[in-house]
Structure formats: C-alpha cells, structure tokens
Amino acid sequence: MAEKRKGDLCDREVYVISVAAEITGMHAQTLRTYDRMGLVSPERTSGGGRRYSRENIRQLMEIQRLSHDEGVNLAGIKAIIDLQQRVAALERENDGLRQQAGRRSGEIVHVPRSTAVVLWEQRRRRRGNDRDGRGDAGTADA
C-alpha cells in the first residue's frame, strides 16, 4: 500500500516492497537483489523496511526493459546506470561552470593581439638589457 510521507518540501508517495513488486510485475526478492546490487536505492524506514518512490519504480521498470527487451545482463545494467549517473553529474558540473563563466564574462578585458605582443617585446628587451648591466639607458627603444 502507498504511504504518504512528509518530505522537506512536500508530501511524497512511497510504496512498501510488496506494492512496488506488484506495480513492476517483479518478485519482492528480485527488488531486494536489485537493492543489494545498487541498481535501485529505496529509502529505508527506521526499522529497515524499504520504501520505493515513484522514481524508484521508474528505475525498476527501466531495469526490466533493459533486461527483457534488450537482453542486457545485470552487470551490463549496473554499468549503464553508473554511466548515466556519471553523465548526469557531469552535466550538473558543466551547468555550474557555464553559470560561473557567464558571471565572469564581465570581468574579461579584450586586449588586441598586436598590443599584447608589443608590450611583451618591450618587457623582454628591458629584461635583457638589465642582465647585461646597461639598463634602460643602453637602448634607444626603451
């Protein structure tokens, strides 16, 4: 039976293992195995009972689809899930970096290449003159 549980922001429906098994058409033992393997991670009650969210049910149905329709074994499914999670994490990181870059774009000052090269050349010449003891007085262009 579905239970209403108070979350941080709203009520969420969660299902006991027998209802989750019935919804997905799997045995409760299969759900326990998938939990142990890390294919799905239902919430736990203080007594250790599993509570499956709608997202967990969606994950279970995707596991079933990959297994039955695509012929992927459980190790392959685990690899797919791990890669999907990694991609999602990288997408979140990428979004954060894009936002950071957007905020910093106002800090970037464009320096024309010709100006940058001339400044570097002048500094290089000054350093070279300082090393041989002539300083700025030893060159006409400094």
C-alpha atoms as a PDB file:
ATOM      1  CA  MET A   1       0.000   0.000   0.000  1.00  0.00           C
ATOM      2  CA  ALA A   2       1.184   3.521  -0.763  1.00  0.00           C
ATOM      3  CA  GLU A   3       2.108   5.685   2.183  1.00  0.00           C
ATOM      4  CA  LYS A   4       2.220   9.454   2.370  1.00  0.00           C
ATOM      5  CA  ARG A   5       5.436  10.667   3.977  1.00  0.00           C
ATOM      6  CA  LYS A   6       6.292  14.213   4.866  1.00  0.00           C
ATOM      7  CA  GLY A   7       9.342  15.330   2.845  1.00  0.00           C
ATOM      8  CA  ASP A   8      11.370  18.515   3.180  1.00  0.00           C
ATOM      9  CA  LEU A   9       9.149  20.438   0.773  1.00  0.00           C
ATOM     10  CA  CYS A  10       6.081  18.337   0.062  1.00  0.00           C
ATOM     11  CA  ASP A  11       4.302  15.053   0.616  1.00  0.00           C
ATOM     12  CA  ARG A  12       5.635  12.153  -1.425  1.00  0.00           C
ATOM     13  CA  GLU A  13       4.113   8.798  -2.142  1.00  0.00           C
ATOM     14  CA  VAL A  14       6.237   5.808  -1.262  1.00  0.00           C
ATOM     15  CA  TYR A  15       5.405   2.148  -1.629  1.00  0.00           C
ATOM     16  CA  VAL A  16       6.194  -0.864   0.515  1.00  0.00           C
ATOM     17  CA  ILE A  17       8.093  -3.619  -1.258  1.00  0.00           C
ATOM     18  CA  SER A  18       5.022  -5.787  -1.938  1.00  0.00           C
ATOM     19  CA  VAL A  19       3.242  -2.928  -3.738  1.00  0.00           C
ATOM     20  CA  ALA A  20       6.393  -1.946  -5.661  1.00  0.00           C
ATOM     21  CA  ALA A  21       6.754  -5.592  -6.741  1.00  0.00           C
ATOM     22  CA  GLU A  22       3.132  -5.709  -7.867  1.00  0.00           C
ATOM     23  CA  ILE A  23       3.406  -2.423  -9.805  1.00  0.00           C
ATOM     24  CA  THR A  24       6.537  -3.569 -11.635  1.00  0.00           C
ATOM     25  CA  GLY A  25       5.498  -7.188 -12.097  1.00  0.00           C
ATOM     26  CA  MET A  26       8.585  -8.425 -10.252  1.00  0.00           C
ATOM     27  CA  HIS A  27       9.035 -10.566  -7.169  1.00  0.00           C
ATOM     28  CA  ALA A  28       9.881  -8.836  -3.896  1.00  0.00           C
ATOM     29  CA  GLN A  29      13.075 -10.915  -3.733  1.00  0.00           C
ATOM     30  CA  THR A  30      14.126  -9.513  -7.114  1.00  0.00           C
ATOM     31  CA  LEU A  31      13.706  -5.980  -5.735  1.00  0.00           C
ATOM     32  CA  ARG A  32      15.824  -6.897  -2.705  1.00  0.00           C
ATOM     33  CA  THR A  33      18.524  -8.279  -5.016  1.00  0.00           C
ATOM     34  CA  TYR A  34      18.489  -5.113  -7.125  1.00  0.00           C
ATOM     35  CA  ASP A  35      18.825  -3.059  -3.942  1.00  0.00           C
ATOM     36  CA  ARG A  36      21.814  -5.132  -2.758  1.00  0.00           C
ATOM     37  CA  MET A  37      23.447  -4.738  -6.183  1.00  0.00           C
ATOM     38  CA  GLY A  38      22.939  -0.970  -6.119  1.00  0.00           C
ATOM     39  CA  LEU A  39      20.674  -0.959  -9.171  1.00  0.00           C
ATOM     40  CA  VAL A  40      17.981   0.846  -7.189  1.00  0.00           C
ATOM     41  CA  SER A  41      18.231   2.509  -3.770  1.00  0.00           C
ATOM     42  CA  PRO A  42      14.892   2.792  -1.994  1.00  0.00           C
ATOM     43  CA  GLU A  43      14.589   4.793   1.193  1.00  0.00           C
ATOM     44  CA  ARG A  44      14.609   2.901   4.475  1.00  0.00           C
ATOM     45  CA  THR A  45      12.390   3.203   7.487  1.00  0.00           C
ATOM     46  CA  SER A  46      13.891   3.336  10.960  1.00  0.00           C
ATOM     47  CA  GLY A  47      13.141  -0.397  11.177  1.00  0.00           C
ATOM     48  CA  GLY A  48      14.971  -1.109   7.903  1.00  0.00           C
ATOM     49  CA  GLY A  49      11.919  -1.582   5.668  1.00  0.00           C
ATOM     50  CA  ARG A  50      12.281  -0.463   2.070  1.00  0.00           C
ATOM     51  CA  ARG A  51      10.117   2.370   0.748  1.00  0.00           C
ATOM     52  CA  TYR A  52      10.045   2.771  -3.025  1.00  0.00           C
ATOM     53  CA  SER A  53       9.418   6.210  -4.541  1.00  0.00           C
ATOM     54  CA  ARG A  54       7.905   6.840  -7.954  1.00  0.00           C
ATOM     55  CA  GLU A  55      11.446   7.408  -9.240  1.00  0.00           C
ATOM     56  CA  ASN A  56      12.482   4.014  -7.839  1.00  0.00           C
ATOM     57  CA  ILE A  57       9.513   2.417  -9.628  1.00  0.00           C
ATOM     58  CA  ARG A  58      10.579   4.131 -12.859  1.00  0.00           C
ATOM     59  CA  GLN A  59      14.129   2.800 -12.364  1.00  0.00           C
ATOM     60  CA  LEU A  60      12.843  -0.726 -11.778  1.00  0.00           C
ATOM     61  CA  MET A  61      10.772  -0.597 -14.955  1.00  0.00           C
ATOM     62  CA  GLU A  62      13.829   0.603 -16.898  1.00  0.00           C
ATOM     63  CA  ILE A  63      15.878  -2.264 -15.449  1.00  0.00           C
ATOM     64  CA  GLN A  64      13.159  -4.677 -16.515  1.00  0.00           C
ATOM     65  CA  ARG A  65      13.062  -3.164 -20.018  1.00  0.00           C
ATOM     66  CA  LEU A  66      16.838  -3.413 -20.428  1.00  0.00           C
ATOM     67  CA  SER A  67      16.841  -6.982 -19.152  1.00  0.00           C
ATOM     68  CA  HIS A  68      13.848  -8.407 -21.017  1.00  0.00           C
ATOM     69  CA  ASP A  69      13.587  -6.281 -24.157  1.00  0.00           C
ATOM     70  CA  GLU A  70      17.255  -5.515 -24.794  1.00  0.00           C
ATOM     71  CA  GLY A  71      18.802  -8.686 -23.362  1.00  0.00           C
ATOM     72  CA  VAL A  72      21.263  -6.823 -21.134  1.00  0.00           C
ATOM     73  CA  ASN A  73      22.539  -8.795 -18.134  1.00  0.00           C
ATOM     74  CA  LEU A  74      22.589  -7.316 -14.629  1.00  0.00           C
ATOM     75  CA  ALA A  75      26.291  -6.401 -14.785  1.00  0.00           C
ATOM     76  CA  GLY A  76      25.597  -4.509 -18.018  1.00  0.00           C
ATOM     77  CA  ILE A  77      22.595  -2.794 -16.469  1.00  0.00           C
ATOM     78  CA  LYS A  78      24.747  -1.758 -13.488  1.00  0.00           C
ATOM     79  CA  ALA A  79      27.335  -0.298 -15.877  1.00  0.00           C
ATOM     80  CA  ILE A  80      24.617   1.576 -17.788  1.00  0.00           C
ATOM     81  CA  ILE A  81      23.159   3.007 -14.573  1.00  0.00           C
ATOM     82  CA  ASP A  82      26.609   4.028 -13.299  1.00  0.00           C
ATOM     83  CA  LEU A  83      27.379   5.754 -16.613  1.00  0.00           C
ATOM     84  CA  GLN A  84      24.001   7.522 -16.633  1.00  0.00           C
ATOM     85  CA  GLN A  85      24.654   8.810 -13.124  1.00  0.00           C
ATOM     86  CA  ARG A  86      28.134   9.966 -14.113  1.00  0.00           C
ATOM     87  CA  VAL A  87      26.765  11.764 -17.179  1.00  0.00           C
ATOM     88  CA  ALA A  88      24.127  13.480 -15.031  1.00  0.00           C
ATOM     89  CA  ALA A  89      26.797  14.581 -12.537  1.00  0.00           C
ATOM     90  CA  LEU A  90      28.993  15.926 -15.344  1.00  0.00           C
ATOM     91  CA  GLU A  91      26.030  17.786 -16.849  1.00  0.00           C
ATOM     92  CA  ARG A  92      25.334  19.430 -13.471  1.00  0.00           C
ATOM     93  CA  GLU A  93      29.005  20.355 -13.138  1.00  0.00           C
ATOM     94  CA  ASN A  94      29.029  21.713 -16.692  1.00  0.00           C
ATOM     95  CA  ASP A  95      25.938  23.824 -15.976  1.00  0.00           C
ATOM     96  CA  GLY A  96      27.624  25.257 -12.895  1.00  0.00           C
ATOM     97  CA  LEU A  97      30.762  26.085 -14.852  1.00  0.00           C
ATOM     98  CA  ARG A  98      28.704  27.773 -17.580  1.00  0.00           C
ATOM     99  CA  GLN A  99      26.952  29.904 -14.968  1.00  0.00           C
ATOM    100  CA  GLN A 100      30.292  30.782 -13.405  1.00  0.00           C
ATOM    101  CA  ALA A 101      31.738  31.673 -16.805  1.00  0.00           C
ATOM    102  CA  GLY A 102      28.687  33.823 -17.528  1.00  0.00           C
ATOM    103  CA  ARG A 103      29.186  35.753 -14.304  1.00  0.00           C
ATOM    104  CA  ARG A 104      32.868  36.235 -15.035  1.00  0.00           C
ATOM    105  CA  SER A 105      32.465  37.266 -18.657  1.00  0.00           C
ATOM    106  CA  GLY A 106      32.030  40.850 -17.474  1.00  0.00           C
ATOM    107  CA  GLU A 107      35.483  40.667 -15.867  1.00  0.00           C
ATOM    108  CA  ILE A 108      37.257  39.795 -19.119  1.00  0.00           C
ATOM    109  CA  VAL A 109      39.022  42.667 -20.860  1.00  0.00           C
ATOM    110  CA  HIS A 110      39.842  42.199 -24.513  1.00  0.00           C
ATOM    111  CA  VAL A 111      43.431  43.111 -25.370  1.00  0.00           C
ATOM    112  CA  PRO A 112      44.158  43.297 -29.090  1.00  0.00           C
ATOM    113  CA  ARG A 113      46.870  40.828 -30.028  1.00  0.00           C
ATOM    114  CA  SER A 114      49.146  43.449 -31.557  1.00  0.00           C
ATOM    115  CA  THR A 115      49.170  45.439 -28.278  1.00  0.00           C
ATOM    116  CA  ALA A 116      49.921  42.357 -26.201  1.00  0.00           C
ATOM    117  CA  VAL A 117      52.850  41.383 -28.433  1.00  0.00           C
ATOM    118  CA  VAL A 118      54.363  44.892 -28.351  1.00  0.00           C
ATOM    119  CA  LEU A 119      54.142  45.041 -24.546  1.00  0.00           C
ATOM    120  CA  TRP A 120      55.786  41.642 -24.230  1.00  0.00           C
ATOM    121  CA  GLU A 121      58.574  42.573 -26.651  1.00  0.00           C
ATOM    122  CA  GLN A 122      59.346  45.778 -24.726  1.00  0.00           C
ATOM    123  CA  ARG A 123      59.486  43.944 -21.416  1.00  0.00           C
ATOM    124  CA  ARG A 124      61.720  41.265 -22.889  1.00  0.00           C
ATOM    125  CA  ARG A 125      64.120  43.836 -24.230  1.00  0.00           C
ATOM    126  CA  ARG A 126      64.248  45.644 -20.871  1.00  0.00           C
ATOM    127  CA  ARG A 127      64.961  42.404 -19.021  1.00  0.00           C
ATOM    128  CA  GLY A 128      67.700  41.506 -21.460  1.00  0.00           C
ATOM    129  CA  ASN A 129      69.300  44.920 -21.047  1.00  0.00           C
ATOM    130  CA  ASP A 130      69.119  44.720 -17.270  1.00  0.00           C
ATOM    131  CA  ARG A 131      71.024  41.438 -17.333  1.00  0.00           C
ATOM    132  CA  ASP A 132      73.981  42.823 -19.240  1.00  0.00           C
ATOM    133  CA  GLY A 133      74.216  45.882 -16.977  1.00  0.00           C
ATOM    134  CA  ARG A 134      73.058  48.519 -19.439  1.00  0.00           C
ATOM    135  CA  GLY A 135      69.557  49.021 -18.012  1.00  0.00           C
ATOM    136  CA  ASP A 136      67.106  51.198 -19.940  1.00  0.00           C
ATOM    137  CA  ALA A 137      69.821  53.709 -20.888  1.00  0.00           C
ATOM    138  CA  GLY A 138      71.572  51.195 -23.102  1.00  0.00           C
ATOM    139  CA  THR A 139      68.827  51.032 -25.777  1.00  0.00           C
ATOM    140  CA  ALA A 140      67.175  53.614 -27.927  1.00  0.00           C
ATOM    141  CA  ASP A 141      63.735  51.988 -27.893  1.00  0.00           C
ATOM    142  CA  ALA A 142      63.286  51.627 -24.111  1.00  0.00           C
END
